[in-house]
Amino acid sequence: MTTIPPWMAQLEDADIAFIKTFLLASGSLKEAAAVYGVSYPTVRLRLDRLIQKIRLAETEEADPYVSLIKRLAVDDKLDVDTARLLITEYRRQNGKEVE
């Protein structure tokens, strides 16, 4: 029985589909862009965000709130400056060391 790595278990179905498309295109962003019918920079941005998600999943915060804020920023649902502000204020109010 094969187990799914924790970082992969946290990805959305669309992320996994993108990984499959990218692999079937032999890692060619140009071919992946053609499959999705979008520009090369759009696929590059998608790949960069996916890389950020995977890195975040591998270095998961012990604090679920901070982890949520970081995921929202990676998913572009929250801008990075706002995410930093929220995390800094949260840590300050909870007496935690601010990075």
PDB file of N, CA and C in Angstrom:
ATOM      1  N   MET A   1       0.835  -1.172   0.000  1.00  0.00           N
ATOM      2  CA  MET A   1       0.000   0.000   0.000  1.00  0.00           C
ATOM      3  C   MET A   1       0.890   1.249   0.000  1.00  0.00           C
ATOM      4  N   THR A   2       0.581   2.179  -0.872  1.00  0.00           N
ATOM      5  CA  THR A   2       1.341   3.403  -0.994  1.00  0.00           C
ATOM      6  C   THR A   2       0.670   4.502  -0.178  1.00  0.00           C
ATOM      7  N   THR A   3       1.489   5.250   0.543  1.00  0.00           N
ATOM      8  CA  THR A   3       0.944   6.375   1.291  1.00  0.00           C
ATOM      9  C   THR A   3       1.282   7.666   0.554  1.00  0.00           C
ATOM     10  N   ILE A   4       0.387   8.611   0.645  1.00  0.00           N
ATOM     11  CA  ILE A   4       0.578   9.908   0.010  1.00  0.00           C
ATOM     12  C   ILE A   4       1.414  10.760   0.951  1.00  0.00           C
ATOM     13  N   PRO A   5       2.462  11.407   0.417  1.00  0.00           N
ATOM     14  CA  PRO A   5       3.271  12.287   1.281  1.00  0.00           C
ATOM     15  C   PRO A   5       2.403  13.407   1.858  1.00  0.00           C
ATOM     16  N   PRO A   6       2.692  13.840   3.080  1.00  0.00           N
ATOM     17  CA  PRO A   6       1.877  14.887   3.711  1.00  0.00           C
ATOM     18  C   PRO A   6       1.764  16.154   2.860  1.00  0.00           C
ATOM     19  N   TRP A   7       2.839  16.553   2.178  1.00  0.00           N
ATOM     20  CA  TRP A   7       2.782  17.772   1.372  1.00  0.00           C
ATOM     21  C   TRP A   7       1.802  17.616   0.223  1.00  0.00           C
ATOM     22  N   MET A   8       1.693  16.403  -0.315  1.00  0.00           N
ATOM     23  CA  MET A   8       0.787  16.172  -1.437  1.00  0.00           C
ATOM     24  C   MET A   8      -0.665  16.098  -0.960  1.00  0.00           C
ATOM     25  N   ALA A   9      -0.865  15.594   0.226  1.00  0.00           N
ATOM     26  CA  ALA A   9      -2.216  15.470   0.777  1.00  0.00           C
ATOM     27  C   ALA A   9      -2.852  16.843   0.998  1.00  0.00           C
ATOM     28  N   GLN A  10      -2.024  17.885   1.144  1.00  0.00           N
ATOM     29  CA  GLN A  10      -2.548  19.223   1.395  1.00  0.00           C
ATOM     30  C   GLN A  10      -2.858  19.992   0.113  1.00  0.00           C
ATOM     31  N   LEU A  11      -2.517  19.421  -1.035  1.00  0.00           N
ATOM     32  CA  LEU A  11      -2.766  20.106  -2.304  1.00  0.00           C
ATOM     33  C   LEU A  11      -4.215  19.935  -2.735  1.00  0.00           C
ATOM     34  N   GLU A  12      -4.703  20.901  -3.463  1.00  0.00           N
ATOM     35  CA  GLU A  12      -6.051  20.835  -4.010  1.00  0.00           C
ATOM     36  C   GLU A  12      -6.035  19.969  -5.264  1.00  0.00           C
ATOM     37  N   ASP A  13      -7.212  19.497  -5.683  1.00  0.00           N
ATOM     38  CA  ASP A  13      -7.309  18.662  -6.877  1.00  0.00           C
ATOM     39  C   ASP A  13      -6.730  19.355  -8.111  1.00  0.00           C
ATOM     40  N   ALA A  14      -6.949  20.662  -8.219  1.00  0.00           N
ATOM     41  CA  ALA A  14      -6.426  21.419  -9.360  1.00  0.00           C
ATOM     42  C   ALA A  14      -4.897  21.423  -9.363  1.00  0.00           C
ATOM     43  N   ASP A  15      -4.291  21.440  -8.182  1.00  0.00           N
ATOM     44  CA  ASP A  15      -2.836  21.401  -8.085  1.00  0.00           C
ATOM     45  C   ASP A  15      -2.294  20.054  -8.568  1.00  0.00           C
ATOM     46  N   ILE A  16      -2.947  18.997  -8.162  1.00  0.00           N
ATOM     47  CA  ILE A  16      -2.525  17.652  -8.567  1.00  0.00           C
ATOM     48  C   ILE A  16      -2.708  17.469 -10.073  1.00  0.00           C
ATOM     49  N   ALA A  17      -3.802  17.989 -10.606  1.00  0.00           N
ATOM     50  CA  ALA A  17      -4.023  17.930 -12.058  1.00  0.00           C
ATOM     51  C   ALA A  17      -2.930  18.695 -12.793  1.00  0.00           C
ATOM     52  N   PHE A  18      -2.518  19.839 -12.253  1.00  0.00           N
ATOM     53  CA  PHE A  18      -1.447  20.623 -12.871  1.00  0.00           C
ATOM     54  C   PHE A  18      -0.141  19.835 -12.871  1.00  0.00           C
ATOM     55  N   ILE A  19       0.172  19.194 -11.740  1.00  0.00           N
ATOM     56  CA  ILE A  19       1.390  18.383 -11.656  1.00  0.00           C
ATOM     57  C   ILE A  19       1.360  17.286 -12.715  1.00  0.00           C
ATOM     58  N   LYS A  20       0.220  16.624 -12.854  1.00  0.00           N
ATOM     59  CA  LYS A  20       0.090  15.555 -13.856  1.00  0.00           C
ATOM     60  C   LYS A  20       0.302  16.109 -15.264  1.00  0.00           C
ATOM     61  N   THR A  21      -0.334  17.223 -15.574  1.00  0.00           N
ATOM     62  CA  THR A  21      -0.176  17.846 -16.893  1.00  0.00           C
ATOM     63  C   THR A  21       1.280  18.215 -17.137  1.00  0.00           C
ATOM     64  N   PHE A  22       1.918  18.798 -16.144  1.00  0.00           N
ATOM     65  CA  PHE A  22       3.312  19.209 -16.253  1.00  0.00           C
ATOM     66  C   PHE A  22       4.220  18.002 -16.502  1.00  0.00           C
ATOM     67  N   LEU A  23       3.984  16.920 -15.778  1.00  0.00           N
ATOM     68  CA  LEU A  23       4.785  15.706 -15.965  1.00  0.00           C
ATOM     69  C   LEU A  23       4.555  15.094 -17.347  1.00  0.00           C
ATOM     70  N   LEU A  24       3.288  15.025 -17.771  1.00  0.00           N
ATOM     71  CA  LEU A  24       2.994  14.463 -19.090  1.00  0.00           C
ATOM     72  C   LEU A  24       3.553  15.319 -20.216  1.00  0.00           C
ATOM     73  N   ALA A  25       3.799  16.588 -19.928  1.00  0.00           N
ATOM     74  CA  ALA A  25       4.424  17.488 -20.908  1.00  0.00           C
ATOM     75  C   ALA A  25       5.947  17.445 -20.771  1.00  0.00           C
ATOM     76  N   SER A  26       6.464  16.452 -20.067  1.00  0.00           N
ATOM     77  CA  SER A  26       7.905  16.273 -19.833  1.00  0.00           C
ATOM     78  C   SER A  26       8.539  17.507 -19.194  1.00  0.00           C
ATOM     79  N   GLY A  27       7.783  18.183 -18.370  1.00  0.00           N
ATOM     80  CA  GLY A  27       8.304  19.350 -17.668  1.00  0.00           C
ATOM     81  C   GLY A  27       8.388  20.597 -18.526  1.00  0.00           C
ATOM     82  N   SER A  28       7.748  20.561 -19.672  1.00  0.00           N
ATOM     83  CA  SER A  28       7.778  21.718 -20.565  1.00  0.00           C
ATOM     84  C   SER A  28       6.654  22.688 -20.210  1.00  0.00           C
ATOM     85  N   LEU A  29       7.033  23.880 -19.762  1.00  0.00           N
ATOM     86  CA  LEU A  29       6.032  24.895 -19.452  1.00  0.00           C
ATOM     87  C   LEU A  29       5.307  25.332 -20.722  1.00  0.00           C
ATOM     88  N   LYS A  30       6.025  25.336 -21.826  1.00  0.00           N
ATOM     89  CA  LYS A  30       5.420  25.728 -23.104  1.00  0.00           C
ATOM     90  C   LYS A  30       4.313  24.745 -23.485  1.00  0.00           C
ATOM     91  N   GLU A  31       4.581  23.453 -23.335  1.00  0.00           N
ATOM     92  CA  GLU A  31       3.548  22.448 -23.645  1.00  0.00           C
ATOM     93  C   GLU A  31       2.384  22.518 -22.658  1.00  0.00           C
ATOM     94  N   ALA A  32       2.683  22.728 -21.387  1.00  0.00           N
ATOM     95  CA  ALA A  32       1.620  22.850 -20.381  1.00  0.00           C
ATOM     96  C   ALA A  32       0.749  24.057 -20.690  1.00  0.00           C
ATOM     97  N   ALA A  33       1.364  25.152 -21.120  1.00  0.00           N
ATOM     98  CA  ALA A  33       0.605  26.353 -21.484  1.00  0.00           C
ATOM     99  C   ALA A  33      -0.335  26.055 -22.643  1.00  0.00           C
ATOM    100  N   ALA A  34       0.134  25.269 -23.604  1.00  0.00           N
ATOM    101  CA  ALA A  34      -0.706  24.907 -24.756  1.00  0.00           C
ATOM    102  C   ALA A  34      -1.885  24.048 -24.311  1.00  0.00           C
ATOM    103  N   VAL A  35      -1.646  23.124 -23.397  1.00  0.00           N
ATOM    104  CA  VAL A  35      -2.722  22.262 -22.895  1.00  0.00           C
ATOM    105  C   VAL A  35      -3.798  23.102 -22.207  1.00  0.00           C
ATOM    106  N   TYR A  36      -3.377  24.070 -21.401  1.00  0.00           N
ATOM    107  CA  TYR A  36      -4.318  24.911 -20.665  1.00  0.00           C
ATOM    108  C   TYR A  36      -4.855  26.079 -21.496  1.00  0.00           C
ATOM    109  N   GLY A  37      -4.223  26.329 -22.630  1.00  0.00           N
ATOM    110  CA  GLY A  37      -4.659  27.435 -23.475  1.00  0.00           C
ATOM    111  C   GLY A  37      -4.370  28.794 -22.857  1.00  0.00           C
ATOM    112  N   VAL A  38      -3.237  28.879 -22.156  1.00  0.00           N
ATOM    113  CA  VAL A  38      -2.823  30.123 -21.520  1.00  0.00           C
ATOM    114  C   VAL A  38      -1.391  30.441 -21.926  1.00  0.00           C
ATOM    115  N   SER A  39      -0.898  31.596 -21.503  1.00  0.00           N
ATOM    116  CA  SER A  39       0.459  32.004 -21.863  1.00  0.00           C
ATOM    117  C   SER A  39       1.501  31.297 -20.993  1.00  0.00           C
ATOM    118  N   TYR A  40       2.715  31.298 -21.479  1.00  0.00           N
ATOM    119  CA  TYR A  40       3.846  30.739 -20.734  1.00  0.00           C
ATOM    120  C   TYR A  40       3.975  31.401 -19.354  1.00  0.00           C
ATOM    121  N   PRO A  41       3.940  32.758 -19.259  1.00  0.00           N
ATOM    122  CA  PRO A  41       4.055  33.388 -17.931  1.00  0.00           C
ATOM    123  C   PRO A  41       2.952  32.959 -16.956  1.00  0.00           C
ATOM    124  N   THR A  42       1.761  32.692 -17.467  1.00  0.00           N
ATOM    125  CA  THR A  42       0.666  32.242 -16.604  1.00  0.00           C
ATOM    126  C   THR A  42       0.979  30.876 -16.013  1.00  0.00           C
ATOM    127  N   VAL A  43       1.514  29.982 -16.838  1.00  0.00           N
ATOM    128  CA  VAL A  43       1.875  28.646 -16.354  1.00  0.00           C
ATOM    129  C   VAL A  43       3.067  28.742 -15.408  1.00  0.00           C
ATOM    130  N   ARG A  44       4.009  29.613 -15.702  1.00  0.00           N
ATOM    131  CA  ARG A  44       5.179  29.805 -14.839  1.00  0.00           C
ATOM    132  C   ARG A  44       4.737  30.278 -13.455  1.00  0.00           C
ATOM    133  N   LEU A  45       3.793  31.225 -13.419  1.00  0.00           N
ATOM    134  CA  LEU A  45       3.269  31.728 -12.154  1.00  0.00           C
ATOM    135  C   LEU A  45       2.562  30.612 -11.382  1.00  0.00           C
ATOM    136  N   ARG A  46       1.793  29.804 -12.089  1.00  0.00           N
ATOM    137  CA  ARG A  46       1.088  28.669 -11.459  1.00  0.00           C
ATOM    138  C   ARG A  46       2.086  27.697 -10.834  1.00  0.00           C
ATOM    139  N   LEU A  47       3.173  27.420 -11.571  1.00  0.00           N
ATOM    140  CA  LEU A  47       4.202  26.521 -11.060  1.00  0.00           C
ATOM    141  C   LEU A  47       4.894  27.137  -9.844  1.00  0.00           C
ATOM    142  N   ASP A  48       5.209  28.421  -9.905  1.00  0.00           N
ATOM    143  CA  ASP A  48       5.851  29.092  -8.770  1.00  0.00           C
ATOM    144  C   ASP A  48       4.977  29.029  -7.522  1.00  0.00           C
ATOM    145  N   ARG A  49       3.686  29.245  -7.689  1.00  0.00           N
ATOM    146  CA  ARG A  49       2.766  29.184  -6.532  1.00  0.00           C
ATOM    147  C   ARG A  49       2.665  27.765  -5.984  1.00  0.00           C
ATOM    148  N   LEU A  50       2.687  26.796  -6.879  1.00  0.00           N
ATOM    149  CA  LEU A  50       2.636  25.400  -6.445  1.00  0.00           C
ATOM    150  C   LEU A  50       3.900  25.049  -5.657  1.00  0.00           C
ATOM    151  N   ILE A  51       5.036  25.521  -6.111  1.00  0.00           N
ATOM    152  CA  ILE A  51       6.292  25.304  -5.395  1.00  0.00           C
ATOM    153  C   ILE A  51       6.206  25.923  -4.000  1.00  0.00           C
ATOM    154  N   GLN A  52       5.649  27.131  -3.907  1.00  0.00           N
ATOM    155  CA  GLN A  52       5.488  27.778  -2.599  1.00  0.00           C
ATOM    156  C   GLN A  52       4.581  26.957  -1.687  1.00  0.00           C
ATOM    157  N   LYS A  53       3.503  26.421  -2.242  1.00  0.00           N
ATOM    158  CA  LYS A  53       2.587  25.597  -1.440  1.00  0.00           C
ATOM    159  C   LYS A  53       3.299  24.371  -0.891  1.00  0.00           C
ATOM    160  N   ILE A  54       4.099  23.730  -1.739  1.00  0.00           N
ATOM    161  CA  ILE A  54       4.800  22.523  -1.318  1.00  0.00           C
ATOM    162  C   ILE A  54       5.821  22.864  -0.239  1.00  0.00           C
ATOM    163  N   ARG A  55       6.563  23.936  -0.428  1.00  0.00           N
ATOM    164  CA  ARG A  55       7.538  24.348   0.589  1.00  0.00           C
ATOM    165  C   ARG A  55       6.843  24.678   1.909  1.00  0.00           C
ATOM    166  N   LEU A  56       5.716  25.350   1.827  1.00  0.00           N
ATOM    167  CA  LEU A  56       4.957  25.694   3.022  1.00  0.00           C
ATOM    168  C   LEU A  56       4.479  24.428   3.730  1.00  0.00           C
ATOM    169  N   ALA A  57       4.008  23.461   2.967  1.00  0.00           N
ATOM    170  CA  ALA A  57       3.518  22.211   3.554  1.00  0.00           C
ATOM    171  C   ALA A  57       4.646  21.444   4.238  1.00  0.00           C
ATOM    172  N   GLU A  58       5.851  21.537   3.683  1.00  0.00           N
ATOM    173  CA  GLU A  58       6.989  20.825   4.274  1.00  0.00           C
ATOM    174  C   GLU A  58       7.508  21.500   5.536  1.00  0.00           C
ATOM    175  N   THR A  59       7.292  22.788   5.657  1.00  0.00           N
ATOM    176  CA  THR A  59       7.745  23.522   6.831  1.00  0.00           C
ATOM    177  C   THR A  59       6.539  24.050   7.593  1.00  0.00           C
ATOM    178  N   GLU A  60       5.561  23.208   7.748  1.00  0.00           N
ATOM    179  CA  GLU A  60       4.292  23.584   8.363  1.00  0.00           C
ATOM    180  C   GLU A  60       4.496  24.193   9.740  1.00  0.00           C
ATOM    181  N   GLU A  61       3.823  25.277   9.953  1.00  0.00           N
ATOM    182  CA  GLU A  61       3.850  25.970  11.237  1.00  0.00           C
ATOM    183  C   GLU A  61       3.173  25.118  12.302  1.00  0.00           C
ATOM    184  N   ALA A  62       3.671  25.244  13.518  1.00  0.00           N
ATOM    185  CA  ALA A  62       3.019  24.576  14.640  1.00  0.00           C
ATOM    186  C   ALA A  62       1.696  25.274  14.951  1.00  0.00           C
ATOM    187  N   ASP A  63       1.625  26.556  14.614  1.00  0.00           N
ATOM    188  CA  ASP A  63       0.437  27.348  14.897  1.00  0.00           C
ATOM    189  C   ASP A  63      -0.513  27.310  13.697  1.00  0.00           C
ATOM    190  N   PRO A  64      -1.703  26.741  13.850  1.00  0.00           N
ATOM    191  CA  PRO A  64      -2.636  26.620  12.726  1.00  0.00           C
ATOM    192  C   PRO A  64      -3.062  27.967  12.130  1.00  0.00           C
ATOM    193  N   TYR A  65      -3.145  29.013  12.945  1.00  0.00           N
ATOM    194  CA  TYR A  65      -3.535  30.332  12.443  1.00  0.00           C
ATOM    195  C   TYR A  65      -2.477  30.877  11.484  1.00  0.00           C
ATOM    196  N   VAL A  66      -1.230  30.799  11.882  1.00  0.00           N
ATOM    197  CA  VAL A  66      -0.135  31.287  11.041  1.00  0.00           C
ATOM    198  C   VAL A  66      -0.073  30.471   9.755  1.00  0.00           C
ATOM    199  N   SER A  67      -0.256  29.183   9.880  1.00  0.00           N
ATOM    200  CA  SER A  67      -0.258  28.311   8.702  1.00  0.00           C
ATOM    201  C   SER A  67      -1.374  28.697   7.730  1.00  0.00           C
ATOM    202  N   LEU A  68      -2.552  28.976   8.265  1.00  0.00           N
ATOM    203  CA  LEU A  68      -3.688  29.388   7.431  1.00  0.00           C
ATOM    204  C   LEU A  68      -3.382  30.692   6.703  1.00  0.00           C
ATOM    205  N   ILE A  69      -2.851  31.666   7.399  1.00  0.00           N
ATOM    206  CA  ILE A  69      -2.525  32.961   6.786  1.00  0.00           C
ATOM    207  C   ILE A  69      -1.509  32.767   5.665  1.00  0.00           C
ATOM    208  N   LYS A  70      -0.503  31.956   5.899  1.00  0.00           N
ATOM    209  CA  LYS A  70       0.503  31.700   4.861  1.00  0.00           C
ATOM    210  C   LYS A  70      -0.109  31.009   3.647  1.00  0.00           C
ATOM    211  N   ARG A  71      -0.981  30.042   3.878  1.00  0.00           N
ATOM    212  CA  ARG A  71      -1.643  29.349   2.750  1.00  0.00           C
ATOM    213  C   ARG A  71      -2.501  30.319   1.947  1.00  0.00           C
ATOM    214  N   LEU A  72      -3.218  31.212   2.631  1.00  0.00           N
ATOM    215  CA  LEU A  72      -4.040  32.200   1.930  1.00  0.00           C
ATOM    216  C   LEU A  72      -3.174  33.112   1.063  1.00  0.00           C
ATOM    217  N   ALA A  73      -2.009  33.471   1.561  1.00  0.00           N
ATOM    218  CA  ALA A  73      -1.103  34.321   0.781  1.00  0.00           C
ATOM    219  C   ALA A  73      -0.567  33.569  -0.430  1.00  0.00           C
ATOM    220  N   VAL A  74      -0.195  32.310  -0.249  1.00  0.00           N
ATOM    221  CA  VAL A  74       0.311  31.504  -1.372  1.00  0.00           C
ATOM    222  C   VAL A  74      -0.780  31.304  -2.413  1.00  0.00           C
ATOM    223  N   ASP A  75      -2.013  31.131  -1.972  1.00  0.00           N
ATOM    224  CA  ASP A  75      -3.143  30.930  -2.893  1.00  0.00           C
ATOM    225  C   ASP A  75      -3.624  32.239  -3.506  1.00  0.00           C
ATOM    226  N   ASP A  76      -2.951  33.331  -3.169  1.00  0.00           N
ATOM    227  CA  ASP A  76      -3.282  34.660  -3.694  1.00  0.00           C
ATOM    228  C   ASP A  76      -4.671  35.117  -3.272  1.00  0.00           C
ATOM    229  N   LYS A  77      -5.110  34.638  -2.114  1.00  0.00           N
ATOM    230  CA  LYS A  77      -6.392  35.067  -1.559  1.00  0.00           C
ATOM    231  C   LYS A  77      -6.183  36.185  -0.550  1.00  0.00           C
ATOM    232  N   LEU A  78      -4.912  36.462  -0.269  1.00  0.00           N
ATOM    233  CA  LEU A  78      -4.530  37.489   0.680  1.00  0.00           C
ATOM    234  C   LEU A  78      -3.165  37.998   0.228  1.00  0.00           C
ATOM    235  N   ASP A  79      -2.997  39.323   0.146  1.00  0.00           N
ATOM    236  CA  ASP A  79      -1.706  39.817  -0.327  1.00  0.00           C
ATOM    237  C   ASP A  79      -0.635  39.596   0.743  1.00  0.00           C
ATOM    238  N   VAL A  80       0.604  39.474   0.307  1.00  0.00           N
ATOM    239  CA  VAL A  80       1.713  39.115   1.176  1.00  0.00           C
ATOM    240  C   VAL A  80       1.928  40.136   2.291  1.00  0.00           C
ATOM    241  N   ASP A  81       1.815  41.421   1.985  1.00  0.00           N
ATOM    242  CA  ASP A  81       2.010  42.445   3.021  1.00  0.00           C
ATOM    243  C   ASP A  81       0.961  42.329   4.123  1.00  0.00           C
ATOM    244  N   THR A  82      -0.285  42.080   3.742  1.00  0.00           N
ATOM    245  CA  THR A  82      -1.351  41.906   4.732  1.00  0.00           C
ATOM    246  C   THR A  82      -1.099  40.649   5.558  1.00  0.00           C
ATOM    247  N   ALA A  83      -0.655  39.586   4.913  1.00  0.00           N
ATOM    248  CA  ALA A  83      -0.348  38.344   5.626  1.00  0.00           C
ATOM    249  C   ALA A  83       0.738  38.575   6.669  1.00  0.00           C
ATOM    250  N   ARG A  84       1.796  39.278   6.275  1.00  0.00           N
ATOM    251  CA  ARG A  84       2.881  39.580   7.225  1.00  0.00           C
ATOM    252  C   ARG A  84       2.366  40.402   8.408  1.00  0.00           C
ATOM    253  N   LEU A  85       1.545  41.398   8.101  1.00  0.00           N
ATOM    254  CA  LEU A  85       0.986  42.249   9.152  1.00  0.00           C
ATOM    255  C   LEU A  85       0.140  41.429  10.121  1.00  0.00           C
ATOM    256  N   LEU A  86      -0.728  40.573   9.588  1.00  0.00           N
ATOM    257  CA  LEU A  86      -1.578  39.737  10.442  1.00  0.00           C
ATOM    258  C   LEU A  86      -0.752  38.800  11.319  1.00  0.00           C
ATOM    259  N   ILE A  87       0.259  38.171  10.733  1.00  0.00           N
ATOM    260  CA  ILE A  87       1.097  37.239  11.499  1.00  0.00           C
ATOM    261  C   ILE A  87       1.882  37.981  12.567  1.00  0.00           C
ATOM    262  N   THR A  88       2.459  39.115  12.210  1.00  0.00           N
ATOM    263  CA  THR A  88       3.232  39.903  13.176  1.00  0.00           C
ATOM    264  C   THR A  88       2.361  40.352  14.342  1.00  0.00           C
ATOM    265  N   GLU A  89       1.183  40.879  14.036  1.00  0.00           N
ATOM    266  CA  GLU A  89       0.278  41.351  15.090  1.00  0.00           C
ATOM    267  C   GLU A  89      -0.216  40.188  15.953  1.00  0.00           C
ATOM    268  N   TYR A  90      -0.535  39.079  15.327  1.00  0.00           N
ATOM    269  CA  TYR A  90      -0.985  37.890  16.055  1.00  0.00           C
ATOM    270  C   TYR A  90       0.092  37.430  17.034  1.00  0.00           C
ATOM    271  N   ARG A  91       1.323  37.356  16.547  1.00  0.00           N
ATOM    272  CA  ARG A  91       2.419  36.913  17.408  1.00  0.00           C
ATOM    273  C   ARG A  91       2.684  37.924  18.526  1.00  0.00           C
ATOM    274  N   ARG A  92       2.595  39.213  18.209  1.00  0.00           N
ATOM    275  CA  ARG A  92       2.813  40.254  19.231  1.00  0.00           C
ATOM    276  C   ARG A  92       1.766  40.133  20.330  1.00  0.00           C
ATOM    277  N   GLN A  93       0.503  39.960  19.934  1.00  0.00           N
ATOM    278  CA  GLN A  93      -0.578  39.881  20.910  1.00  0.00           C
ATOM    279  C   GLN A  93      -0.519  38.595  21.741  1.00  0.00           C
ATOM    280  N   ASN A  94       0.084  37.586  21.194  1.00  0.00           N
ATOM    281  CA  ASN A  94       0.179  36.308  21.910  1.00  0.00           C
ATOM    282  C   ASN A  94       1.525  36.117  22.577  1.00  0.00           C
ATOM    283  N   GLY A  95       2.325  37.191  22.625  1.00  0.00           N
ATOM    284  CA  GLY A  95       3.609  37.134  23.311  1.00  0.00           C
ATOM    285  C   GLY A  95       4.619  36.220  22.666  1.00  0.00           C
ATOM    286  N   LYS A  96       4.460  36.003  21.356  1.00  0.00           N
ATOM    287  CA  LYS A  96       5.400  35.140  20.645  1.00  0.00           C
ATOM    288  C   LYS A  96       6.437  36.004  19.947  1.00  0.00           C
ATOM    289  N   GLU A  97       7.608  35.427  19.771  1.00  0.00           N
ATOM    290  CA  GLU A  97       8.689  36.142  19.092  1.00  0.00           C
ATOM    291  C   GLU A  97       8.289  36.437  17.645  1.00  0.00           C
ATOM    292  N   VAL A  98       8.495  37.656  17.220  1.00  0.00           N
ATOM    293  CA  VAL A  98       8.173  38.074  15.855  1.00  0.00           C
ATOM    294  C   VAL A  98       9.391  37.825  14.983  1.00  0.00           C
ATOM    295  N   GLU A  99       9.151  37.124  13.837  1.00  0.00           N
ATOM    296  CA  GLU A  99      10.245  36.809  12.906  1.00  0.00           C
ATOM    297  C   GLU A  99      10.665  38.031  12.155  1.00  0.00           C
TER     298      GLU A  99
END
